[in-house]
Amino acid sequence: VLRKKKASDGDRAITLLTNLKLTKSLAKTLAGVYRKRW
């Protein structure tokens, strides 16, 4: 996830690792879940 604004830790790029078999729609869902983790 390449953010337009820096996160609180100063990073713009967030890389998430998973053992799920990805599709585009699933990748979007997972990124949204991690975004809502806060």
PDB file of all heavy atoms in Angstrom:
ATOM      1  N   VAL A   1       0.867  -1.173   0.000  1.00  0.00           N
ATOM      2  CA  VAL A   1       0.000   0.000   0.000  1.00  0.00           C
ATOM      3  C   VAL A   1       0.906   1.226   0.000  1.00  0.00           C
ATOM      4  O   VAL A   1       1.634   1.460   0.973  1.00  0.00           O
ATOM      5  CB  VAL A   1      -0.934   0.014   1.233  1.00  0.00           C
ATOM      6  CG1 VAL A   1      -1.840   1.236   1.203  1.00  0.00           C
ATOM      7  CG2 VAL A   1      -1.749  -1.267   1.300  1.00  0.00           C
ATOM      8  N   LEU A   2       0.877   1.976  -1.084  1.00  0.00           N
ATOM      9  CA  LEU A   2       1.687   3.193  -1.199  1.00  0.00           C
ATOM     10  C   LEU A   2       0.802   4.382  -0.854  1.00  0.00           C
ATOM     11  O   LEU A   2      -0.047   4.798  -1.641  1.00  0.00           O
ATOM     12  CB  LEU A   2       2.260   3.335  -2.608  1.00  0.00           C
ATOM     13  CG  LEU A   2       3.232   4.496  -2.821  1.00  0.00           C
ATOM     14  CD1 LEU A   2       4.456   4.344  -1.917  1.00  0.00           C
ATOM     15  CD2 LEU A   2       3.657   4.589  -4.283  1.00  0.00           C
ATOM     16  N   ARG A   3       0.983   4.899   0.334  1.00  0.00           N
ATOM     17  CA  ARG A   3       0.143   5.984   0.833  1.00  0.00           C
ATOM     18  C   ARG A   3       0.553   7.319   0.241  1.00  0.00           C
ATOM     19  O   ARG A   3       1.728   7.556  -0.050  1.00  0.00           O
ATOM     20  CB  ARG A   3       0.229   6.067   2.357  1.00  0.00           C
ATOM     21  CG  ARG A   3      -0.264   4.831   3.074  1.00  0.00           C
ATOM     22  CD  ARG A   3       0.141   4.852   4.530  1.00  0.00           C
ATOM     23  NE  ARG A   3      -0.290   6.078   5.194  1.00  0.00           N
ATOM     24  CZ  ARG A   3      -1.410   6.196   5.878  1.00  0.00           C
ATOM     25  NH1 ARG A   3      -2.218   5.161   6.001  1.00  0.00           N
ATOM     26  NH2 ARG A   3      -1.748   7.328   6.458  1.00  0.00           N
ATOM     27  N   LYS A   4      -0.425   8.197   0.064  1.00  0.00           N
ATOM     28  CA  LYS A   4      -0.125   9.550  -0.404  1.00  0.00           C
ATOM     29  C   LYS A   4       0.467  10.397   0.710  1.00  0.00           C
ATOM     30  O   LYS A   4       1.220  11.335   0.445  1.00  0.00           O
ATOM     31  CB  LYS A   4      -1.392  10.203  -0.952  1.00  0.00           C
ATOM     32  CG  LYS A   4      -1.908   9.557  -2.228  1.00  0.00           C
ATOM     33  CD  LYS A   4      -3.130  10.287  -2.773  1.00  0.00           C
ATOM     34  CE  LYS A   4      -3.607   9.644  -4.074  1.00  0.00           C
ATOM     35  NZ  LYS A   4      -4.801  10.335  -4.624  1.00  0.00           N
ATOM     36  N   LYS A   5       0.118  10.066   1.947  1.00  0.00           N
ATOM     37  CA  LYS A   5       0.666  10.764   3.100  1.00  0.00           C
ATOM     38  C   LYS A   5       1.435   9.771   3.957  1.00  0.00           C
ATOM     39  O   LYS A   5       1.109   8.595   4.007  1.00  0.00           O
ATOM     40  CB  LYS A   5      -0.448  11.412   3.935  1.00  0.00           C
ATOM     41  CG  LYS A   5      -1.206  12.501   3.206  1.00  0.00           C
ATOM     42  CD  LYS A   5      -2.261  13.121   4.122  1.00  0.00           C
ATOM     43  CE  LYS A   5      -3.036  14.220   3.412  1.00  0.00           C
ATOM     44  NZ  LYS A   5      -4.073  14.808   4.311  1.00  0.00           N
ATOM     45  N   LYS A   6       2.435  10.263   4.646  1.00  0.00           N
ATOM     46  CA  LYS A   6       3.223   9.396   5.512  1.00  0.00           C
ATOM     47  C   LYS A   6       2.406   8.957   6.721  1.00  0.00           C
ATOM     48  O   LYS A   6       1.580   9.705   7.235  1.00  0.00           O
ATOM     49  CB  LYS A   6       4.488  10.122   5.989  1.00  0.00           C
ATOM     50  CG  LYS A   6       5.514  10.364   4.894  1.00  0.00           C
ATOM     51  CD  LYS A   6       6.756  11.005   5.472  1.00  0.00           C
ATOM     52  CE  LYS A   6       7.802  11.218   4.384  1.00  0.00           C
ATOM     53  NZ  LYS A   6       9.048  11.833   4.927  1.00  0.00           N
ATOM     54  N   ALA A   7       2.640   7.719   7.141  1.00  0.00           N
ATOM     55  CA  ALA A   7       1.986   7.215   8.343  1.00  0.00           C
ATOM     56  C   ALA A   7       2.647   7.823   9.579  1.00  0.00           C
ATOM     57  O   ALA A   7       3.625   8.577   9.487  1.00  0.00           O
ATOM     58  CB  ALA A   7       2.069   5.692   8.382  1.00  0.00           C
ATOM     59  N   SER A   8       2.115   7.483  10.755  1.00  0.00           N
ATOM     60  CA  SER A   8       2.654   8.042  11.992  1.00  0.00           C
ATOM     61  C   SER A   8       4.102   7.633  12.228  1.00  0.00           C
ATOM     62  O   SER A   8       4.850   8.345  12.907  1.00  0.00           O
ATOM     63  CB  SER A   8       1.797   7.591  13.186  1.00  0.00           C
ATOM     64  OG  SER A   8       1.742   6.180  13.257  1.00  0.00           O
ATOM     65  N   ASP A   9       4.522   6.467  11.674  1.00  0.00           N
ATOM     66  CA  ASP A   9       5.898   6.028  11.841  1.00  0.00           C
ATOM     67  C   ASP A   9       6.824   6.568  10.749  1.00  0.00           C
ATOM     68  O   ASP A   9       8.000   6.216  10.697  1.00  0.00           O
ATOM     69  CB  ASP A   9       5.975   4.503  11.862  1.00  0.00           C
ATOM     70  CG  ASP A   9       5.324   3.875  10.627  1.00  0.00           C
ATOM     71  OD1 ASP A   9       4.965   4.621   9.696  1.00  0.00           O
ATOM     72  OD2 ASP A   9       5.168   2.641  10.602  1.00  0.00           O
ATOM     73  N   GLY A  10       6.285   7.415   9.859  1.00  0.00           N
ATOM     74  CA  GLY A  10       7.095   8.040   8.824  1.00  0.00           C
ATOM     75  C   GLY A  10       7.167   7.286   7.509  1.00  0.00           C
ATOM     76  O   GLY A  10       7.743   7.782   6.546  1.00  0.00           O
ATOM     77  N   ASP A  11       6.573   6.087   7.452  1.00  0.00           N
ATOM     78  CA  ASP A  11       6.619   5.280   6.222  1.00  0.00           C
ATOM     79  C   ASP A  11       5.450   5.630   5.315  1.00  0.00           C
ATOM     80  O   ASP A  11       4.320   5.820   5.767  1.00  0.00           O
ATOM     81  CB  ASP A  11       6.566   3.786   6.549  1.00  0.00           C
ATOM     82  CG  ASP A  11       7.823   3.319   7.267  1.00  0.00           C
ATOM     83  OD1 ASP A  11       8.847   4.014   7.172  1.00  0.00           O
ATOM     84  OD2 ASP A  11       7.758   2.265   7.930  1.00  0.00           O
ATOM     85  N   ARG A  12       5.735   5.659   4.017  1.00  0.00           N
ATOM     86  CA  ARG A  12       4.667   5.819   3.034  1.00  0.00           C
ATOM     87  C   ARG A  12       4.234   4.479   2.475  1.00  0.00           C
ATOM     88  O   ARG A  12       3.068   4.267   2.179  1.00  0.00           O
ATOM     89  CB  ARG A  12       5.141   6.719   1.878  1.00  0.00           C
ATOM     90  CG  ARG A  12       5.240   8.201   2.226  1.00  0.00           C
ATOM     91  CD  ARG A  12       5.494   9.011   0.981  1.00  0.00           C
ATOM     92  NE  ARG A  12       4.427   8.818   0.001  1.00  0.00           N
ATOM     93  CZ  ARG A  12       4.555   9.088  -1.290  1.00  0.00           C
ATOM     94  NH1 ARG A  12       5.704   9.502  -1.770  1.00  0.00           N
ATOM     95  NH2 ARG A  12       3.537   8.913  -2.114  1.00  0.00           N
ATOM     96  N   ALA A  13       5.169   3.546   2.325  1.00  0.00           N
ATOM     97  CA  ALA A  13       4.864   2.228   1.781  1.00  0.00           C
ATOM     98  C   ALA A  13       4.677   1.230   2.921  1.00  0.00           C
ATOM     99  O   ALA A  13       5.516   1.128   3.815  1.00  0.00           O
ATOM    100  CB  ALA A  13       5.963   1.763   0.844  1.00  0.00           C
ATOM    101  N   ILE A  14       3.578   0.506   2.908  1.00  0.00           N
ATOM    102  CA  ILE A  14       3.284  -0.530   3.896  1.00  0.00           C
ATOM    103  C   ILE A  14       3.179  -1.851   3.146  1.00  0.00           C
ATOM    104  O   ILE A  14       2.358  -1.988   2.233  1.00  0.00           O
ATOM    105  CB  ILE A  14       1.978  -0.233   4.643  1.00  0.00           C
ATOM    106  CG1 ILE A  14       2.096   1.084   5.422  1.00  0.00           C
ATOM    107  CG2 ILE A  14       1.625  -1.375   5.589  1.00  0.00           C
ATOM    108  CD1 ILE A  14       0.808   1.489   6.114  1.00  0.00           C
ATOM    109  N   THR A  15       4.006  -2.832   3.511  1.00  0.00           N
ATOM    110  CA  THR A  15       3.997  -4.140   2.875  1.00  0.00           C
ATOM    111  C   THR A  15       3.409  -5.157   3.836  1.00  0.00           C
ATOM    112  O   THR A  15       3.841  -5.265   4.988  1.00  0.00           O
ATOM    113  CB  THR A  15       5.413  -4.564   2.455  1.00  0.00           C
ATOM    114  OG1 THR A  15       5.941  -3.590   1.543  1.00  0.00           O
ATOM    115  CG2 THR A  15       5.397  -5.919   1.776  1.00  0.00           C
ATOM    116  N   LEU A  16       2.423  -5.898   3.355  1.00  0.00           N
ATOM    117  CA  LEU A  16       1.726  -6.896   4.157  1.00  0.00           C
ATOM    118  C   LEU A  16       1.971  -8.276   3.557  1.00  0.00           C
ATOM    119  O   LEU A  16       1.823  -8.470   2.349  1.00  0.00           O
ATOM    120  CB  LEU A  16       0.220  -6.609   4.180  1.00  0.00           C
ATOM    121  CG  LEU A  16      -0.187  -5.179   4.559  1.00  0.00           C
ATOM    122  CD1 LEU A  16      -1.677  -4.983   4.356  1.00  0.00           C
ATOM    123  CD2 LEU A  16       0.199  -4.878   5.996  1.00  0.00           C
ATOM    124  N   LEU A  17       2.347  -9.225   4.389  1.00  0.00           N
ATOM    125  CA  LEU A  17       2.607 -10.589   3.942  1.00  0.00           C
ATOM    126  C   LEU A  17       1.443 -11.490   4.340  1.00  0.00           C
ATOM    127  O   LEU A  17       0.905 -11.371   5.444  1.00  0.00           O
ATOM    128  CB  LEU A  17       3.900 -11.111   4.564  1.00  0.00           C
ATOM    129  CG  LEU A  17       5.166 -10.301   4.263  1.00  0.00           C
ATOM    130  CD1 LEU A  17       6.365 -10.879   5.005  1.00  0.00           C
ATOM    131  CD2 LEU A  17       5.446 -10.257   2.770  1.00  0.00           C
ATOM    132  N   THR A  18       1.069 -12.404   3.433  1.00  0.00           N
ATOM    133  CA  THR A  18      -0.044 -13.298   3.694  1.00  0.00           C
ATOM    134  C   THR A  18       0.170 -14.635   3.004  1.00  0.00           C
ATOM    135  O   THR A  18       0.877 -14.723   1.996  1.00  0.00           O
ATOM    136  CB  THR A  18      -1.377 -12.682   3.217  1.00  0.00           C
ATOM    137  OG1 THR A  18      -2.452 -13.575   3.507  1.00  0.00           O
ATOM    138  CG2 THR A  18      -1.353 -12.406   1.725  1.00  0.00           C
ATOM    139  N   ASN A  19      -0.424 -15.690   3.554  1.00  0.00           N
ATOM    140  CA  ASN A  19      -0.400 -17.002   2.926  1.00  0.00           C
ATOM    141  C   ASN A  19      -1.728 -17.344   2.264  1.00  0.00           C
ATOM    142  O   ASN A  19      -1.989 -18.502   1.933  1.00  0.00           O
ATOM    143  CB  ASN A  19      -0.020 -18.088   3.939  1.00  0.00           C
ATOM    144  CG  ASN A  19      -0.954 -18.105   5.147  1.00  0.00           C
ATOM    145  OD1 ASN A  19      -1.834 -17.253   5.289  1.00  0.00           O
ATOM    146  ND2 ASN A  19      -0.764 -19.076   6.025  1.00  0.00           N
ATOM    147  N   LEU A  20      -2.591 -16.339   2.074  1.00  0.00           N
ATOM    148  CA  LEU A  20      -3.816 -16.516   1.316  1.00  0.00           C
ATOM    149  C   LEU A  20      -3.526 -16.418  -0.180  1.00  0.00           C
ATOM    150  O   LEU A  20      -2.619 -15.683  -0.604  1.00  0.00           O
ATOM    151  CB  LEU A  20      -4.849 -15.457   1.705  1.00  0.00           C
ATOM    152  CG  LEU A  20      -5.550 -15.630   3.053  1.00  0.00           C
ATOM    153  CD1 LEU A  20      -6.230 -14.337   3.460  1.00  0.00           C
ATOM    154  CD2 LEU A  20      -6.554 -16.763   3.002  1.00  0.00           C
ATOM    155  N   LYS A  21      -4.279 -17.137  -0.992  1.00  0.00           N
ATOM    156  CA  LYS A  21      -4.150 -17.032  -2.440  1.00  0.00           C
ATOM    157  C   LYS A  21      -4.880 -15.783  -2.895  1.00  0.00           C
ATOM    158  O   LYS A  21      -6.092 -15.665  -2.755  1.00  0.00           O
ATOM    159  CB  LYS A  21      -4.725 -18.276  -3.117  1.00  0.00           C
ATOM    160  CG  LYS A  21      -3.941 -19.549  -2.813  1.00  0.00           C
ATOM    161  CD  LYS A  21      -4.534 -20.734  -3.552  1.00  0.00           C
ATOM    162  CE  LYS A  21      -3.730 -22.008  -3.261  1.00  0.00           C
ATOM    163  NZ  LYS A  21      -4.302 -23.188  -3.970  1.00  0.00           N
ATOM    164  N   LEU A  22      -4.105 -14.849  -3.467  1.00  0.00           N
ATOM    165  CA  LEU A  22      -4.649 -13.524  -3.735  1.00  0.00           C
ATOM    166  C   LEU A  22      -5.297 -13.421  -5.107  1.00  0.00           C
ATOM    167  O   LEU A  22      -4.851 -14.016  -6.080  1.00  0.00           O
ATOM    168  CB  LEU A  22      -3.551 -12.464  -3.626  1.00  0.00           C
ATOM    169  CG  LEU A  22      -3.050 -12.114  -2.219  1.00  0.00           C
ATOM    170  CD1 LEU A  22      -2.074 -10.958  -2.291  1.00  0.00           C
ATOM    171  CD2 LEU A  22      -4.202 -11.766  -1.291  1.00  0.00           C
ATOM    172  N   THR A  23      -6.355 -12.653  -5.148  1.00  0.00           N
ATOM    173  CA  THR A  23      -6.910 -12.084  -6.370  1.00  0.00           C
ATOM    174  C   THR A  23      -6.932 -10.576  -6.169  1.00  0.00           C
ATOM    175  O   THR A  23      -6.666 -10.092  -5.057  1.00  0.00           O
ATOM    176  CB  THR A  23      -8.336 -12.606  -6.624  1.00  0.00           C
ATOM    177  OG1 THR A  23      -9.172 -12.196  -5.521  1.00  0.00           O
ATOM    178  CG2 THR A  23      -8.346 -14.124  -6.745  1.00  0.00           C
ATOM    179  N   LYS A  24      -7.247  -9.826  -7.199  1.00  0.00           N
ATOM    180  CA  LYS A  24      -7.269  -8.369  -7.046  1.00  0.00           C
ATOM    181  C   LYS A  24      -8.312  -7.940  -6.013  1.00  0.00           C
ATOM    182  O   LYS A  24      -8.052  -7.065  -5.173  1.00  0.00           O
ATOM    183  CB  LYS A  24      -7.542  -7.715  -8.395  1.00  0.00           C
ATOM    184  CG  LYS A  24      -6.370  -7.739  -9.352  1.00  0.00           C
ATOM    185  CD  LYS A  24      -6.664  -6.896 -10.583  1.00  0.00           C
ATOM    186  CE  LYS A  24      -5.451  -6.853 -11.512  1.00  0.00           C
ATOM    187  NZ  LYS A  24      -5.693  -6.010 -12.705  1.00  0.00           N
ATOM    188  N   SER A  25      -9.472  -8.536  -6.071  1.00  0.00           N
ATOM    189  CA  SER A  25     -10.523  -8.142  -5.128  1.00  0.00           C
ATOM    190  C   SER A  25     -10.155  -8.517  -3.690  1.00  0.00           C
ATOM    191  O   SER A  25     -10.398  -7.752  -2.754  1.00  0.00           O
ATOM    192  CB  SER A  25     -11.854  -8.795  -5.517  1.00  0.00           C
ATOM    193  OG  SER A  25     -11.746 -10.211  -5.491  1.00  0.00           O
ATOM    194  N   LEU A  26      -9.536  -9.697  -3.529  1.00  0.00           N
ATOM    195  CA  LEU A  26      -9.139 -10.106  -2.184  1.00  0.00           C
ATOM    196  C   LEU A  26      -8.018  -9.230  -1.651  1.00  0.00           C
ATOM    197  O   LEU A  26      -8.003  -8.868  -0.467  1.00  0.00           O
ATOM    198  CB  LEU A  26      -8.707 -11.577  -2.183  1.00  0.00           C
ATOM    199  CG  LEU A  26      -8.292 -12.154  -0.830  1.00  0.00           C
ATOM    200  CD1 LEU A  26      -9.400 -11.998   0.196  1.00  0.00           C
ATOM    201  CD2 LEU A  26      -7.874 -13.616  -0.963  1.00  0.00           C
ATOM    202  N   ALA A  27      -7.056  -8.875  -2.518  1.00  0.00           N
ATOM    203  CA  ALA A  27      -5.972  -7.997  -2.086  1.00  0.00           C
ATOM    204  C   ALA A  27      -6.516  -6.650  -1.624  1.00  0.00           C
ATOM    205  O   ALA A  27      -6.049  -6.073  -0.625  1.00  0.00           O
ATOM    206  CB  ALA A  27      -4.974  -7.811  -3.225  1.00  0.00           C
ATOM    207  N   LYS A  28      -7.514  -6.148  -2.294  1.00  0.00           N
ATOM    208  CA  LYS A  28      -8.128  -4.879  -1.893  1.00  0.00           C
ATOM    209  C   LYS A  28      -8.827  -5.022  -0.549  1.00  0.00           C
ATOM    210  O   LYS A  28      -8.745  -4.142   0.325  1.00  0.00           O
ATOM    211  CB  LYS A  28      -9.126  -4.427  -2.959  1.00  0.00           C
ATOM    212  CG  LYS A  28      -9.772  -3.078  -2.670  1.00  0.00           C
ATOM    213  CD  LYS A  28     -10.707  -2.674  -3.797  1.00  0.00           C
ATOM    214  CE  LYS A  28     -11.363  -1.328  -3.500  1.00  0.00           C
ATOM    215  NZ  LYS A  28     -12.284  -0.922  -4.600  1.00  0.00           N
ATOM    216  N   THR A  29      -9.514  -6.166  -0.362  1.00  0.00           N
ATOM    217  CA  THR A  29     -10.190  -6.412   0.909  1.00  0.00           C
ATOM    218  C   THR A  29      -9.198  -6.490   2.069  1.00  0.00           C
ATOM    219  O   THR A  29      -9.405  -5.889   3.130  1.00  0.00           O
ATOM    220  CB  THR A  29     -11.002  -7.718   0.843  1.00  0.00           C
ATOM    221  OG1 THR A  29     -11.993  -7.606  -0.185  1.00  0.00           O
ATOM    222  CG2 THR A  29     -11.679  -8.010   2.166  1.00  0.00           C
ATOM    223  N   LEU A  30      -8.083  -7.217   1.857  1.00  0.00           N
ATOM    224  CA  LEU A  30      -7.091  -7.369   2.918  1.00  0.00           C
ATOM    225  C   LEU A  30      -6.456  -6.040   3.272  1.00  0.00           C
ATOM    226  O   LEU A  30      -6.225  -5.734   4.448  1.00  0.00           O
ATOM    227  CB  LEU A  30      -6.026  -8.373   2.496  1.00  0.00           C
ATOM    228  CG  LEU A  30      -6.484  -9.802   2.189  1.00  0.00           C
ATOM    229  CD1 LEU A  30      -5.283 -10.711   1.956  1.00  0.00           C
ATOM    230  CD2 LEU A  30      -7.349 -10.351   3.299  1.00  0.00           C
ATOM    231  N   ALA A  31      -6.142  -5.243   2.254  1.00  0.00           N
ATOM    232  CA  ALA A  31      -5.556  -3.921   2.532  1.00  0.00           C
ATOM    233  C   ALA A  31      -6.529  -3.054   3.321  1.00  0.00           C
ATOM    234  O   ALA A  31      -6.124  -2.319   4.235  1.00  0.00           O
ATOM    235  CB  ALA A  31      -5.171  -3.243   1.218  1.00  0.00           C
ATOM    236  N   GLY A  32      -7.824  -3.159   2.987  1.00  0.00           N
ATOM    237  CA  GLY A  32      -8.815  -2.388   3.730  1.00  0.00           C
ATOM    238  C   GLY A  32      -8.930  -2.833   5.173  1.00  0.00           C
ATOM    239  O   GLY A  32      -9.096  -2.011   6.073  1.00  0.00           O
ATOM    240  N   VAL A  33      -8.832  -4.153   5.405  1.00  0.00           N
ATOM    241  CA  VAL A  33      -8.893  -4.663   6.776  1.00  0.00           C
ATOM    242  C   VAL A  33      -7.720  -4.139   7.592  1.00  0.00           C
ATOM    243  O   VAL A  33      -7.880  -3.707   8.745  1.00  0.00           O
ATOM    244  CB  VAL A  33      -8.917  -6.203   6.776  1.00  0.00           C
ATOM    245  CG1 VAL A  33      -8.694  -6.746   8.188  1.00  0.00           C
ATOM    246  CG2 VAL A  33     -10.235  -6.710   6.222  1.00  0.00           C
ATOM    247  N   TYR A  34      -6.518  -4.152   7.000  1.00  0.00           N
ATOM    248  CA  TYR A  34      -5.364  -3.682   7.766  1.00  0.00           C
ATOM    249  C   TYR A  34      -5.439  -2.178   8.005  1.00  0.00           C
ATOM    250  O   TYR A  34      -5.019  -1.686   9.049  1.00  0.00           O
ATOM    251  CB  TYR A  34      -4.063  -4.028   7.050  1.00  0.00           C
ATOM    252  CG  TYR A  34      -2.860  -3.920   7.965  1.00  0.00           C
ATOM    253  CD1 TYR A  34      -2.480  -4.988   8.761  1.00  0.00           C
ATOM    254  CD2 TYR A  34      -2.148  -2.733   8.076  1.00  0.00           C
ATOM    255  CE1 TYR A  34      -1.411  -4.894   9.631  1.00  0.00           C
ATOM    256  CE2 TYR A  34      -1.078  -2.623   8.946  1.00  0.00           C
ATOM    257  CZ  TYR A  34      -0.711  -3.708   9.723  1.00  0.00           C
ATOM    258  OH  TYR A  34       0.334  -3.591  10.591  1.00  0.00           O
ATOM    259  N   ARG A  35      -5.976  -1.451   7.039  1.00  0.00           N
ATOM    260  CA  ARG A  35      -6.149  -0.011   7.241  1.00  0.00           C
ATOM    261  C   ARG A  35      -7.070   0.278   8.421  1.00  0.00           C
ATOM    262  O   ARG A  35      -6.876   1.237   9.164  1.00  0.00           O
ATOM    263  CB  ARG A  35      -6.728   0.629   5.976  1.00  0.00           C
ATOM    264  CG  ARG A  35      -5.718   0.864   4.855  1.00  0.00           C
ATOM    265  CD  ARG A  35      -6.441   1.382   3.637  1.00  0.00           C
ATOM    266  NE  ARG A  35      -5.538   1.785   2.580  1.00  0.00           N
ATOM    267  CZ  ARG A  35      -5.931   2.195   1.374  1.00  0.00           C
ATOM    268  NH1 ARG A  35      -7.219   2.227   1.091  1.00  0.00           N
ATOM    269  NH2 ARG A  35      -5.050   2.550   0.464  1.00  0.00           N
ATOM    270  N   LYS A  36      -8.089  -0.575   8.589  1.00  0.00           N
ATOM    271  CA  LYS A  36      -9.045  -0.361   9.671  1.00  0.00           C
ATOM    272  C   LYS A  36      -8.540  -0.910  11.000  1.00  0.00           C
ATOM    273  O   LYS A  36      -9.225  -0.764  12.020  1.00  0.00           O
ATOM    274  CB  LYS A  36     -10.382  -1.015   9.325  1.00  0.00           C
ATOM    275  CG  LYS A  36     -11.113  -0.333   8.179  1.00  0.00           C
ATOM    276  CD  LYS A  36     -12.437  -1.016   7.894  1.00  0.00           C
ATOM    277  CE  LYS A  36     -13.185  -0.334   6.757  1.00  0.00           C
ATOM    278  NZ  LYS A  36     -14.468  -1.004   6.459  1.00  0.00           N
ATOM    279  N   ARG A  37      -7.384  -1.552  10.984  1.00  0.00           N
ATOM    280  CA  ARG A  37      -6.871  -2.134  12.217  1.00  0.00           C
ATOM    281  C   ARG A  37      -6.670  -1.076  13.299  1.00  0.00           C
ATOM    282  O   ARG A  37      -6.871  -1.350  14.485  1.00  0.00           O
ATOM    283  CB  ARG A  37      -5.550  -2.843  11.932  1.00  0.00           C
ATOM    284  CG  ARG A  37      -4.959  -3.552  13.140  1.00  0.00           C
ATOM    285  CD  ARG A  37      -3.692  -4.294  12.762  1.00  0.00           C
ATOM    286  NE  ARG A  37      -3.135  -4.960  13.908  1.00  0.00           N
ATOM    287  CZ  ARG A  37      -2.287  -4.383  14.775  1.00  0.00           C
ATOM    288  NH1 ARG A  37      -1.907  -3.141  14.575  1.00  0.00           N
ATOM    289  NH2 ARG A  37      -1.828  -5.049  15.815  1.00  0.00           N
ATOM    290  N   TRP A  38      -6.313   0.128  12.893  1.00  0.00           N
ATOM    291  CA  TRP A  38      -6.110   1.189  13.880  1.00  0.00           C
ATOM    292  C   TRP A  38      -7.420   1.522  14.597  1.00  0.00           C
ATOM    293  O   TRP A  38      -7.410   1.942  15.762  1.00  0.00           O
ATOM    294  CB  TRP A  38      -5.554   2.441  13.214  1.00  0.00           C
ATOM    295  CG  TRP A  38      -6.544   3.150  12.335  1.00  0.00           C
ATOM    296  CD1 TRP A  38      -6.755   2.953  11.000  1.00  0.00           C
ATOM    297  CD2 TRP A  38      -7.471   4.167  12.730  1.00  0.00           C
ATOM    298  NE1 TRP A  38      -7.763   3.766  10.551  1.00  0.00           N
ATOM    299  CE2 TRP A  38      -8.214   4.534  11.583  1.00  0.00           C
ATOM    300  CE3 TRP A  38      -7.756   4.804  13.938  1.00  0.00           C
ATOM    301  CZ2 TRP A  38      -9.209   5.500  11.603  1.00  0.00           C
ATOM    302  CZ3 TRP A  38      -8.759   5.772  13.968  1.00  0.00           C
ATOM    303  CH2 TRP A  38      -9.465   6.118  12.804  1.00  0.00           C
TER     304      TRP A  38
END
